[in-house]
């Protein structure tokens, strides 16, 4: 799998139960299998403010993607993300974990792929 993960991504992560998914934007930089980048999402606590910013660092081996997200605006445990890149290189899906506290799912897509899916759903609905 040779797709470079560098670039912009959009997605959401979900908490267990009936809590609403949280949307986020990510910018990734991949170099020799190492990942760095940042995320932005709506702040969902007073400490986070309007926009919560976090730095990510991780790696990719084949289709397996792992990274740690650390918020820079609040004191928070690191969040571990483990997912799989699809065959087209446009989607990463997996699980996030805050050790001993929470875990849930996440899905992130390149913006063009997400737009194409919305357009396809609109055509089906029409």
Protein backbone atom coordinates (compact mmCIF):
# COMPACT_ATOMS: atom_id res chain seq x y z
CA UNK A 1 0.00 0.00 0.00
CA UNK A 2 1.76 3.13 -1.21
CA UNK A 3 -0.79 5.90 -0.60
CA UNK A 4 0.72 8.81 1.31
CA UNK A 5 -1.53 9.90 4.18
CA UNK A 6 -0.30 13.50 4.03
CA UNK A 7 -3.06 16.04 3.62
CA UNK A 8 -6.40 17.08 5.04
CA UNK A 9 -8.93 14.68 6.53
CA UNK A 10 -12.39 15.10 8.07
CA UNK A 11 -14.16 12.72 10.37
CA UNK A 12 -15.80 12.05 13.68
CA UNK A 13 -15.24 10.03 16.77
CA UNK A 14 -17.97 8.43 18.82
CA UNK A 15 -18.34 7.79 22.51
CA UNK A 16 -20.01 4.65 23.81
CA UNK A 17 -23.74 4.83 24.39
CA UNK A 18 -26.03 7.52 23.06
CA UNK A 19 -23.65 10.49 23.08
CA UNK A 20 -23.44 12.42 19.80
CA UNK A 21 -20.34 11.87 17.62
CA UNK A 22 -17.78 14.70 17.67
CA UNK A 23 -16.67 16.01 14.25
CA UNK A 24 -13.02 16.87 13.66
CA UNK A 25 -10.60 18.06 11.01
CA UNK A 26 -7.10 16.63 10.78
CA UNK A 27 -3.98 17.49 8.85
CA UNK A 28 -1.50 14.63 8.55
CA UNK A 29 2.10 14.55 7.40
CA UNK A 30 3.55 11.13 6.57
CA UNK A 31 7.28 10.64 6.12
CA UNK A 32 8.90 7.18 5.97
CA UNK A 33 5.95 5.61 7.82
CA UNK A 34 5.95 8.21 10.61
CA UNK A 35 2.89 10.41 11.12
CA UNK A 36 2.67 13.88 12.61
CA UNK A 37 -0.08 16.43 12.43
CA UNK A 38 -2.85 18.22 14.21
CA UNK A 39 -6.59 18.07 14.78
CA UNK A 40 -9.25 20.70 15.38
CA UNK A 41 -12.70 20.02 16.76
CA UNK A 42 -15.50 21.89 18.48
CA UNK A 43 -14.68 22.36 22.15
CA UNK A 44 -17.13 20.31 24.18
CA UNK A 45 -16.03 21.45 27.62
CA UNK A 46 -15.52 24.94 29.03
CA UNK A 47 -11.77 24.28 29.41
CA UNK A 48 -11.42 23.54 25.69
CA UNK A 49 -12.88 26.81 24.48
CA UNK A 50 -14.69 27.13 21.17
CA UNK A 51 -12.13 25.10 19.18
CA UNK A 52 -10.03 22.31 20.70
CA UNK A 53 -6.62 21.81 19.11
CA UNK A 54 -4.46 18.70 19.49
CA UNK A 55 -1.17 17.40 18.12
CA UNK A 56 -0.83 13.88 16.81
CA UNK A 57 2.15 11.60 16.41
CA UNK A 58 2.20 8.03 15.21
CA UNK A 59 3.00 5.64 12.40
CA UNK A 60 1.65 3.61 9.53
CA UNK A 61 2.67 0.09 8.58
CA UNK A 62 0.86 -1.09 5.46
CA UNK A 63 -2.81 -0.45 6.11
CA UNK A 64 -2.42 -0.20 9.91
CA UNK A 65 -2.46 3.36 11.25
CA UNK A 66 -1.74 4.25 14.88
CA UNK A 67 -1.32 7.63 16.50
CA UNK A 68 -1.58 9.41 19.81
CA UNK A 69 -3.57 12.64 20.13
CA UNK A 70 -2.62 15.14 22.84
CA UNK A 71 -4.67 18.30 23.38
CA UNK A 72 -2.53 21.40 23.74
CA UNK A 73 -5.21 23.60 25.33
CA UNK A 74 -6.22 21.40 28.27
CA UNK A 75 -4.76 18.85 30.63
CA UNK A 76 -6.01 15.54 29.32
CA UNK A 77 -4.75 11.98 29.07
CA UNK A 78 -3.27 11.05 25.67
CA UNK A 79 -5.78 9.40 23.35
CA UNK A 80 -4.61 6.34 21.42
CA UNK A 81 -6.03 5.77 17.93
CA UNK A 82 -5.68 2.46 16.06
CA UNK A 83 -7.24 2.00 12.66
CA UNK A 84 -7.04 0.58 9.19
CA UNK A 85 -6.65 2.43 5.91
CA UNK A 86 -9.01 1.26 3.17
CA UNK A 87 -7.75 0.00 -0.21
CA UNK A 88 -8.37 3.36 -1.91
CA UNK A 89 -6.34 5.31 0.65
CA UNK A 90 -9.26 7.63 1.37
CA UNK A 91 -10.66 6.32 4.67
CA UNK A 92 -9.28 5.30 8.05
CA UNK A 93 -11.60 3.51 10.47
CA UNK A 94 -10.85 2.17 13.91
CA UNK A 95 -10.98 2.61 17.67
CA UNK A 96 -9.73 5.28 20.06
CA UNK A 97 -8.88 4.64 23.72
CA UNK A 98 -8.19 6.68 26.81
CA UNK A 99 -6.57 3.98 28.91
CA UNK A 100 -8.74 3.03 31.87
CA UNK A 101 -11.45 5.59 31.06
CA UNK A 102 -13.18 5.60 27.66
CA UNK A 103 -13.06 4.04 24.25
CA UNK A 104 -15.05 4.37 21.06
CA UNK A 105 -14.89 4.33 17.30
CA UNK A 106 -13.61 6.82 14.77
CA UNK A 107 -13.85 7.32 11.03
CA UNK A 108 -11.88 9.82 8.98
CA UNK A 109 -11.94 10.48 5.24
CA UNK A 110 -10.19 12.68 2.76
CA UNK A 111 -12.58 15.59 2.04
CA UNK A 112 -13.03 14.71 -1.65
CA UNK A 113 -14.05 11.13 -0.74
CA UNK A 114 -16.55 12.40 1.85
CA UNK A 115 -18.08 14.81 -0.71
CA UNK A 116 -18.42 12.02 -3.29
CA UNK A 117 -20.25 9.85 -0.75
CA UNK A 118 -22.72 12.65 0.07
CA UNK A 119 -23.36 13.22 -3.65
CA UNK A 120 -23.97 9.49 -4.18
CA UNK A 121 -26.41 9.41 -1.23
CA UNK A 122 -28.24 12.44 -2.64
CA UNK A 123 -28.59 10.73 -6.05
CA UNK A 124 -30.03 7.60 -4.42
CA UNK A 125 -32.51 9.71 -2.42
CA UNK A 126 -33.65 11.64 -5.54
